[in-house]
C-alpha atoms as a PDB file:
ATOM      1  CA  MET A   1      96.066 159.846 101.618  1.00  0.00           C
ATOM      2  CA  ALA A   2      92.729 161.210 102.819  1.00  0.00           C
ATOM      3  CA  ASN A   3      89.642 160.087 101.017  1.00  0.00           C
ATOM      4  CA  PRO A   4      88.350 163.151  99.109  1.00  0.00           C
ATOM      5  CA  LYS A   5      84.808 161.845  99.490  1.00  0.00           C
ATOM      6  CA  GLN A   6      85.009 162.060 103.252  1.00  0.00           C
ATOM      7  CA  THR A   7      83.110 164.985 104.763  1.00  0.00           C
ATOM      8  CA  LYS A   8      85.387 167.497 106.398  1.00  0.00           C
ATOM      9  CA  ARG A   9      84.773 168.078 110.070  1.00  0.00           C
ATOM     10  CA  VAL A  10      83.422 171.547 110.760  1.00  0.00           C
ATOM     11  CA  ARG A  11      85.624 173.470 113.146  1.00  0.00           C
ATOM     12  CA  ALA A  12      83.728 174.522 116.271  1.00  0.00           C
ATOM     13  CA  VAL A  13      83.090 178.253 116.427  1.00  0.00           C
ATOM     14  CA  ALA A  14      83.009 178.299 120.232  1.00  0.00           C
ATOM     15  CA  LYS A  15      82.841 176.138 123.338  1.00  0.00           C
ATOM     16  CA  ALA A  16      79.602 176.081 125.298  1.00  0.00           C
ATOM     17  CA  LEU A  17      79.166 174.668 128.797  1.00  0.00           C
ATOM     18  CA  VAL A  18      75.654 173.644 129.830  1.00  0.00           C
ATOM     19  CA  VAL A  19      75.298 173.118 133.587  1.00  0.00           C
ATOM     20  CA  ARG A  20      71.982 171.540 134.535  1.00  0.00           C
ATOM     21  CA  GLY A  21      70.353 170.459 137.782  1.00  0.00           C
ATOM     22  CA  GLY A  22      68.401 171.820 140.721  1.00  0.00           C
ATOM     23  CA  TRP A  23      64.605 171.675 140.846  1.00  0.00           C
ATOM     24  CA  ASP A  24      63.214 169.232 138.277  1.00  0.00           C
ATOM     25  CA  GLY A  25      60.038 171.233 137.671  1.00  0.00           C
ATOM     26  CA  HIS A  26      61.832 173.430 135.162  1.00  0.00           C
ATOM     27  CA  GLU A  27      62.879 170.359 133.179  1.00  0.00           C
ATOM     28  CA  PRO A  28      66.640 170.943 133.074  1.00  0.00           C
ATOM     29  CA  VAL A  29      67.311 167.693 131.219  1.00  0.00           C
ATOM     30  CA  LEU A  30      64.523 168.129 128.667  1.00  0.00           C
ATOM     31  CA  CYS A  31      65.560 171.729 128.035  1.00  0.00           C
ATOM     32  CA  SER A  32      69.216 170.832 127.570  1.00  0.00           C
ATOM     33  CA  ASP A  33      68.327 167.881 125.349  1.00  0.00           C
ATOM     34  CA  ARG A  34      66.373 170.228 123.114  1.00  0.00           C
ATOM     35  CA  LEU A  35      68.989 172.983 123.116  1.00  0.00           C
ATOM     36  CA  VAL A  36      72.191 170.965 122.640  1.00  0.00           C
ATOM     37  CA  PRO A  37      71.420 169.764 119.079  1.00  0.00           C
ATOM     38  CA  TRP A  38      70.829 173.355 118.033  1.00  0.00           C
ATOM     39  CA  LEU A  39      74.105 174.440 119.664  1.00  0.00           C
ATOM     40  CA  LYS A  40      75.989 171.749 117.772  1.00  0.00           C
ATOM     41  CA  ASN A  41      74.297 172.689 114.508  1.00  0.00           C
ATOM     42  CA  ARG A  42      75.469 176.238 115.103  1.00  0.00           C
ATOM     43  CA  GLY A  43      79.024 174.966 115.407  1.00  0.00           C
ATOM     44  CA  PHE A  44      79.399 174.995 119.185  1.00  0.00           C
ATOM     45  CA  GLU A  45      81.526 172.382 120.895  1.00  0.00           C
ATOM     46  CA  VAL A  46      79.211 171.462 123.778  1.00  0.00           C
ATOM     47  CA  THR A  47      79.873 170.008 127.212  1.00  0.00           C
ATOM     48  CA  VAL A  48      76.928 169.127 129.452  1.00  0.00           C
ATOM     49  CA  SER A  49      77.555 168.829 133.189  1.00  0.00           C
ATOM     50  CA  ASP A  50      75.210 167.682 135.948  1.00  0.00           C
ATOM     51  CA  THR A  51      77.346 169.197 138.701  1.00  0.00           C
ATOM     52  CA  LEU A  52      78.288 172.721 139.746  1.00  0.00           C
ATOM     53  CA  ASP A  53      81.808 171.399 140.245  1.00  0.00           C
ATOM     54  CA  ALA A  54      82.177 171.944 136.500  1.00  0.00           C
ATOM     55  CA  TYR A  55      83.086 175.534 137.368  1.00  0.00           C
ATOM     56  CA  LEU A  56      86.045 174.232 139.427  1.00  0.00           C
ATOM     57  CA  ASP A  57      87.515 172.160 136.585  1.00  0.00           C
ATOM     58  CA  PRO A  58      90.241 174.224 134.836  1.00  0.00           C
ATOM     59  CA  ALA A  59      90.438 171.792 131.924  1.00  0.00           C
ATOM     60  CA  LEU A  60      86.678 171.932 131.389  1.00  0.00           C
ATOM     61  CA  MET A  61      86.520 175.704 131.706  1.00  0.00           C
ATOM     62  CA  ALA A  62      89.488 176.343 129.427  1.00  0.00           C
ATOM     63  CA  GLY A  63      88.358 178.113 126.298  1.00  0.00           C
ATOM     64  CA  VAL A  64      84.653 178.181 127.215  1.00  0.00           C
ATOM     65  CA  ARG A  65      82.935 181.005 125.338  1.00  0.00           C
ATOM     66  CA  VAL A  66      79.496 180.825 126.938  1.00  0.00           C
ATOM     67  CA  ILE A  67      78.007 179.180 130.034  1.00  0.00           C
ATOM     68  CA  ILE A  68      74.336 178.173 129.935  1.00  0.00           C
ATOM     69  CA  PRO A  69      73.013 177.456 133.446  1.00  0.00           C
ATOM     70  CA  ILE A  70      69.801 175.453 133.892  1.00  0.00           C
ATOM     71  CA  TRP A  71      69.769 175.206 137.681  1.00  0.00           C
ATOM     72  CA  THR A  72      66.711 176.321 139.648  1.00  0.00           C
ATOM     73  CA  MET A  73      67.079 177.002 143.383  1.00  0.00           C
ATOM     74  CA  GLY A  74      69.686 174.777 145.061  1.00  0.00           C
ATOM     75  CA  GLU A  75      72.883 175.983 146.669  1.00  0.00           C
ATOM     76  CA  ILE A  76      76.242 176.934 145.243  1.00  0.00           C
ATOM     77  CA  SER A  77      79.395 176.764 147.348  1.00  0.00           C
ATOM     78  CA  GLY A  78      81.681 179.738 147.766  1.00  0.00           C
ATOM     79  CA  ASP A  79      84.369 178.119 145.630  1.00  0.00           C
ATOM     80  CA  GLN A  80      81.905 177.185 142.879  1.00  0.00           C
ATOM     81  CA  PHE A  81      80.463 180.689 142.716  1.00  0.00           C
ATOM     82  CA  ASN A  82      83.870 182.359 142.828  1.00  0.00           C
ATOM     83  CA  ALA A  83      85.007 180.282 139.874  1.00  0.00           C
ATOM     84  CA  LEU A  84      81.850 181.144 137.892  1.00  0.00           C
ATOM     85  CA  ASN A  85      82.074 184.793 138.856  1.00  0.00           C
ATOM     86  CA  GLN A  86      85.733 185.046 137.863  1.00  0.00           C
ATOM     87  CA  ALA A  87      85.072 183.359 134.523  1.00  0.00           C
ATOM     88  CA  VAL A  88      82.274 185.745 133.583  1.00  0.00           C
ATOM     89  CA  ARG A  89      84.154 188.807 134.783  1.00  0.00           C
ATOM     90  CA  ALA A  90      87.090 187.687 132.654  1.00  0.00           C
ATOM     91  CA  GLY A  91      84.938 187.556 129.524  1.00  0.00           C
ATOM     92  CA  VAL A  92      82.988 184.285 129.421  1.00  0.00           C
ATOM     93  CA  GLY A  93      79.365 184.835 128.381  1.00  0.00           C
ATOM     94  CA  LEU A  94      76.432 183.803 130.574  1.00  0.00           C
ATOM     95  CA  ALA A  95      73.051 183.090 128.963  1.00  0.00           C
ATOM     96  CA  GLY A  96      69.945 181.583 130.502  1.00  0.00           C
ATOM     97  CA  TRP A  97      66.216 181.684 131.020  1.00  0.00           C
ATOM     98  CA  HIS A  98      63.431 181.583 133.573  1.00  0.00           C
ATOM     99  CA  GLY A  99      64.197 180.025 136.978  1.00  0.00           C
ATOM    100  CA  GLY A 100      67.119 178.075 135.550  1.00  0.00           C
ATOM    101  CA  MET A 101      69.172 181.255 135.743  1.00  0.00           C
ATOM    102  CA  CYS A 102      67.256 183.830 137.794  1.00  0.00           C
ATOM    103  CA  ASP A 103      65.748 181.705 140.529  1.00  0.00           C
ATOM    104  CA  ALA A 104      68.948 179.950 141.490  1.00  0.00           C
ATOM    105  CA  PHE A 105      70.951 180.122 144.710  1.00  0.00           C
ATOM    106  CA  ARG A 106      68.501 182.420 146.501  1.00  0.00           C
ATOM    107  CA  ASN A 107      70.923 183.168 149.331  1.00  0.00           C
ATOM    108  CA  ASN A 108      73.700 184.368 147.011  1.00  0.00           C
ATOM    109  CA  THR A 109      73.024 188.053 146.390  1.00  0.00           C
ATOM    110  CA  GLU A 110      76.170 188.527 144.314  1.00  0.00           C
ATOM    111  CA  TYR A 111      74.899 185.872 141.910  1.00  0.00           C
ATOM    112  CA  GLN A 112      71.699 187.936 141.588  1.00  0.00           C
ATOM    113  CA  PHE A 113      73.848 191.046 141.054  1.00  0.00           C
ATOM    114  CA  MET A 114      75.647 189.243 138.221  1.00  0.00           C
ATOM    115  CA  THR A 115      72.519 187.942 136.487  1.00  0.00           C
ATOM    116  CA  GLY A 116      70.580 191.185 136.841  1.00  0.00           C
ATOM    117  CA  GLY A 117      67.446 189.906 138.531  1.00  0.00           C
ATOM    118  CA  GLN A 118      65.663 187.486 140.820  1.00  0.00           C
ATOM    119  CA  TRP A 119      62.229 185.876 140.546  1.00  0.00           C
ATOM    120  CA  VAL A 120      59.834 186.697 143.367  1.00  0.00           C
ATOM    121  CA  ALA A 121      56.349 185.653 142.114  1.00  0.00           C
ATOM    122  CA  HIS A 122      54.272 184.352 139.209  1.00  0.00           C
ATOM    123  CA  PRO A 123      50.697 185.442 140.010  1.00  0.00           C
ATOM    124  CA  GLY A 124      48.153 182.960 138.698  1.00  0.00           C
ATOM    125  CA  GLY A 125      50.759 180.323 137.856  1.00  0.00           C
ATOM    126  CA  VAL A 126      50.569 179.259 134.213  1.00  0.00           C
ATOM    127  CA  ILE A 127      48.438 181.839 132.388  1.00  0.00           C
ATOM    128  CA  ASP A 128      48.123 183.516 129.000  1.00  0.00           C
ATOM    129  CA  TYR A 129      50.084 186.749 128.814  1.00  0.00           C
ATOM    130  CA  ARG A 130      51.563 189.006 126.174  1.00  0.00           C
ATOM    131  CA  VAL A 131      55.204 189.892 125.572  1.00  0.00           C
ATOM    132  CA  THR A 132      55.483 193.451 124.271  1.00  0.00           C
ATOM    133  CA  ASP A 133      57.909 196.319 123.624  1.00  0.00           C
ATOM    134  CA  LEU A 134      60.369 194.119 121.724  1.00  0.00           C
ATOM    135  CA  ASP A 135      63.313 196.281 120.744  1.00  0.00           C
ATOM    136  CA  PRO A 136      63.083 196.648 116.938  1.00  0.00           C
ATOM    137  CA  VAL A 137      66.776 197.452 116.529  1.00  0.00           C
ATOM    138  CA  ASP A 138      68.668 195.107 118.845  1.00  0.00           C
ATOM    139  CA  PRO A 139      69.546 191.887 116.967  1.00  0.00           C
ATOM    140  CA  ILE A 140      68.217 189.728 119.820  1.00  0.00           C
ATOM    141  CA  THR A 141      64.658 190.961 119.268  1.00  0.00           C
ATOM    142  CA  ALA A 142      64.670 192.623 115.843  1.00  0.00           C
ATOM    143  CA  THR A 143      62.065 191.272 113.356  1.00  0.00           C
ATOM    144  CA  LEU A 144      59.940 189.878 116.218  1.00  0.00           C
ATOM    145  CA  ALA A 145      56.479 191.266 116.950  1.00  0.00           C
ATOM    146  CA  PRO A 146      54.612 191.209 120.287  1.00  0.00           C
ATOM    147  CA  PHE A 147      53.247 187.741 121.007  1.00  0.00           C
ATOM    148  CA  TRP A 148      51.179 185.669 123.447  1.00  0.00           C
ATOM    149  CA  ILE A 149      52.491 182.785 125.504  1.00  0.00           C
ATOM    150  CA  HIS A 150      50.851 180.346 127.944  1.00  0.00           C
ATOM    151  CA  SER A 151      53.342 180.086 130.789  1.00  0.00           C
ATOM    152  CA  GLU A 152      54.381 181.643 134.081  1.00  0.00           C
ATOM    153  CA  GLN A 153      54.484 185.420 133.953  1.00  0.00           C
ATOM    154  CA  TYR A 154      57.510 186.248 136.079  1.00  0.00           C
ATOM    155  CA  TYR A 155      57.358 189.127 138.540  1.00  0.00           C
ATOM    156  CA  MET A 156      60.999 189.949 139.245  1.00  0.00           C
ATOM    157  CA  HIS A 157      63.289 192.245 141.164  1.00  0.00           C
ATOM    158  CA  THR A 158      65.586 193.584 138.468  1.00  0.00           C
ATOM    159  CA  ASP A 159      68.704 195.704 138.144  1.00  0.00           C
ATOM    160  CA  PRO A 160      68.002 199.195 136.716  1.00  0.00           C
ATOM    161  CA  GLY A 161      71.271 198.853 134.811  1.00  0.00           C
ATOM    162  CA  ASN A 162      69.866 196.102 132.601  1.00  0.00           C
ATOM    163  CA  GLU A 163      69.276 196.879 128.943  1.00  0.00           C
ATOM    164  CA  VAL A 164      65.655 195.745 128.607  1.00  0.00           C
ATOM    165  CA  LEU A 165      64.687 194.280 125.230  1.00  0.00           C
ATOM    166  CA  ALA A 166      61.112 193.113 125.902  1.00  0.00           C
ATOM    167  CA  SER A 167      58.494 193.530 128.621  1.00  0.00           C
ATOM    168  CA  THR A 168      55.113 192.348 129.868  1.00  0.00           C
ATOM    169  CA  VAL A 169      52.320 194.078 131.781  1.00  0.00           C
ATOM    170  CA  PHE A 170      50.541 192.550 134.773  1.00  0.00           C
ATOM    171  CA  SER A 171      46.746 192.619 134.870  1.00  0.00           C
ATOM    172  CA  GLY A 172      46.365 192.409 138.654  1.00  0.00           C
ATOM    173  CA  GLU A 173      43.645 189.776 138.156  1.00  0.00           C
ATOM    174  CA  HIS A 174      45.357 186.865 139.915  1.00  0.00           C
ATOM    175  CA  GLN A 175      45.669 185.838 143.573  1.00  0.00           C
ATOM    176  CA  GLY A 176      44.369 189.169 144.820  1.00  0.00           C
ATOM    177  CA  TYR A 177      47.437 191.157 143.721  1.00  0.00           C
ATOM    178  CA  THR A 178      45.285 194.012 142.456  1.00  0.00           C
ATOM    179  CA  TRP A 179      47.919 196.628 143.214  1.00  0.00           C
ATOM    180  CA  ILE A 180      50.276 195.335 140.498  1.00  0.00           C
ATOM    181  CA  MET A 181      47.758 196.107 137.740  1.00  0.00           C
ATOM    182  CA  GLY A 182      49.569 197.956 134.960  1.00  0.00           C
ATOM    183  CA  THR A 183      53.052 197.125 136.241  1.00  0.00           C
ATOM    184  CA  LYS A 184      55.459 196.752 133.334  1.00  0.00           C
ATOM    185  CA  MET A 185      58.052 194.040 133.947  1.00  0.00           C
ATOM    186  CA  PRO A 186      61.206 193.200 131.954  1.00  0.00           C
ATOM    187  CA  VAL A 187      61.037 189.843 130.151  1.00  0.00           C
ATOM    188  CA  VAL A 188      64.300 189.972 128.180  1.00  0.00           C
ATOM    189  CA  TRP A 189      67.482 191.827 129.040  1.00  0.00           C
ATOM    190  CA  LYS A 190      71.204 191.944 128.512  1.00  0.00           C
ATOM    191  CA  ARG A 191      74.002 193.432 130.588  1.00  0.00           C
ATOM    192  CA  THR A 192      77.719 193.190 131.172  1.00  0.00           C
ATOM    193  CA  TRP A 193      79.576 191.782 134.163  1.00  0.00           C
ATOM    194  CA  GLY A 194      83.203 192.799 133.993  1.00  0.00           C
ATOM    195  CA  ARG A 195      84.200 191.797 130.456  1.00  0.00           C
ATOM    196  CA  GLY A 196      81.469 189.138 130.222  1.00  0.00           C
ATOM    197  CA  ARG A 197      78.145 189.437 128.432  1.00  0.00           C
ATOM    198  CA  VAL A 198      75.051 188.351 130.377  1.00  0.00           C
ATOM    199  CA  PHE A 199      71.725 187.537 128.684  1.00  0.00           C
ATOM    200  CA  PHE A 200      68.426 186.541 130.319  1.00  0.00           C
ATOM    201  CA  THR A 201      64.857 185.822 129.277  1.00  0.00           C
ATOM    202  CA  SER A 202      62.106 184.915 131.731  1.00  0.00           C
ATOM    203  CA  LEU A 203      60.437 182.803 129.024  1.00  0.00           C
ATOM    204  CA  GLY A 204      60.922 179.053 129.359  1.00  0.00           C
ATOM    205  CA  HIS A 205      59.100 177.551 132.339  1.00  0.00           C
ATOM    206  CA  VAL A 206      59.225 174.140 130.632  1.00  0.00           C
ATOM    207  CA  ALA A 207      60.711 172.898 127.374  1.00  0.00           C
ATOM    208  CA  ALA A 208      57.333 173.052 125.619  1.00  0.00           C
ATOM    209  CA  ASP A 209      57.368 176.862 125.988  1.00  0.00           C
ATOM    210  CA  TRP A 210      59.892 176.839 123.159  1.00  0.00           C
ATOM    211  CA  ASN A 211      57.120 175.637 120.862  1.00  0.00           C
ATOM    212  CA  VAL A 212      56.318 179.343 120.696  1.00  0.00           C
ATOM    213  CA  PRO A 213      58.840 180.234 117.971  1.00  0.00           C
ATOM    214  CA  GLN A 214      59.553 183.728 119.261  1.00  0.00           C
ATOM    215  CA  ALA A 215      60.438 182.387 122.714  1.00  0.00           C
ATOM    216  CA  PHE A 216      62.982 179.905 121.376  1.00  0.00           C
ATOM    217  CA  GLU A 217      64.315 182.413 118.849  1.00  0.00           C
ATOM    218  CA  ILE A 218      65.025 184.971 121.586  1.00  0.00           C
ATOM    219  CA  THR A 219      66.883 182.342 123.612  1.00  0.00           C
ATOM    220  CA  LYS A 220      68.988 181.230 120.648  1.00  0.00           C
ATOM    221  CA  ARG A 221      69.873 184.768 119.651  1.00  0.00           C
ATOM    222  CA  GLY A 222      70.725 185.664 123.250  1.00  0.00           C
ATOM    223  CA  ILE A 223      73.135 182.739 123.529  1.00  0.00           C
ATOM    224  CA  GLN A 224      74.918 183.841 120.370  1.00  0.00           C
ATOM    225  CA  TRP A 225      75.154 187.403 121.660  1.00  0.00           C
ATOM    226  CA  ALA A 226      76.517 186.277 125.039  1.00  0.00           C
ATOM    227  CA  ALA A 227      79.121 184.171 123.253  1.00  0.00           C
ATOM    228  CA  GLY A 228      80.245 187.227 121.303  1.00  0.00           C
ATOM    229  CA  LEU A 229      79.202 185.714 117.983  1.00  0.00           C
ATOM    230  CA  GLU A 230      77.307 187.208 115.083  1.00  0.00           C
ATOM    231  CA  ILE A 231      73.610 186.546 115.615  1.00  0.00           C
ATOM    232  CA  VAL A 232      72.119 184.416 112.851  1.00  0.00           C
ATOM    233  CA  PRO A 233      68.314 184.800 112.884  1.00  0.00           C
ATOM    234  CA  GLU A 234      66.322 181.665 112.155  1.00  0.00           C
ATOM    235  CA  TYR A 235      62.797 182.989 112.629  1.00  0.00           C
ATOM    236  CA  THR A 236      61.247 186.251 111.467  1.00  0.00           C
ATOM    237  CA  ASP A 237      57.760 187.068 112.629  1.00  0.00           C
ATOM    238  CA  PRO A 238      55.631 187.576 109.511  1.00  0.00           C
ATOM    239  CA  THR A 239      53.698 190.373 111.254  1.00  0.00           C
ATOM    240  CA  SER A 240      56.703 192.259 112.633  1.00  0.00           C
ATOM    241  CA  ALA A 241      56.842 194.837 109.849  1.00  0.00           C
ATOM    242  CA  CYS A 242      53.280 195.987 110.468  1.00  0.00           C
ATOM    243  CA  CYS A 243      53.112 195.876 114.258  1.00  0.00           C
ATOM    244  CA  ALA A 244      53.777 198.810 116.533  1.00  0.00           C
ATOM    245  CA  TYR A 245      56.257 198.354 119.333  1.00  0.00           C
END
């Protein structure tokens, strides 16, 4: 007979696959180590893989609800990409941030087509910049006001089919790129790829960027959306009700 005092095991709401590697400068291990406890607290059954061959493992991929790539640059084989592509097109969510998702596999244009964008520059390197135009209705950005962050401001080539949820504006003050002054650039977007949901935020150069609560909150909400789950907000900006978008 089961001991009634024993705590019942919470049934996982979804399976998440975190695939980490590539360039170490974006701290794939530190980022995953910070994210995985939150995923588990949200009820995800989590697998962390240090190889792109994870996409080729039918047993590992079975039942996965969302894939979280943290893999900057590097190369992906044709078989590895085809397996990832087929999974997302069949309905598996894809959610990521910064170069870990949108500066990966630079020679694979179909991967860029799937993710909705590709990094091309970050004028000035790590600078202070403002994230604005947060969509006040979409659950990924609702209740969040514009905010400042000290990080890389990503200049990207993006798909016009993306649903943009937040933006930033370039000052043109750095590295002589005066002609980009006033350019508005997407920072957060979502899209579909076949039956799969794709979420991206350019915030998250290093794990410490998530010390900005809005940055981590957007990432967490985006993962839930990509997984097809109800978004459970954990942070509400105290100034959001009074700030214009």
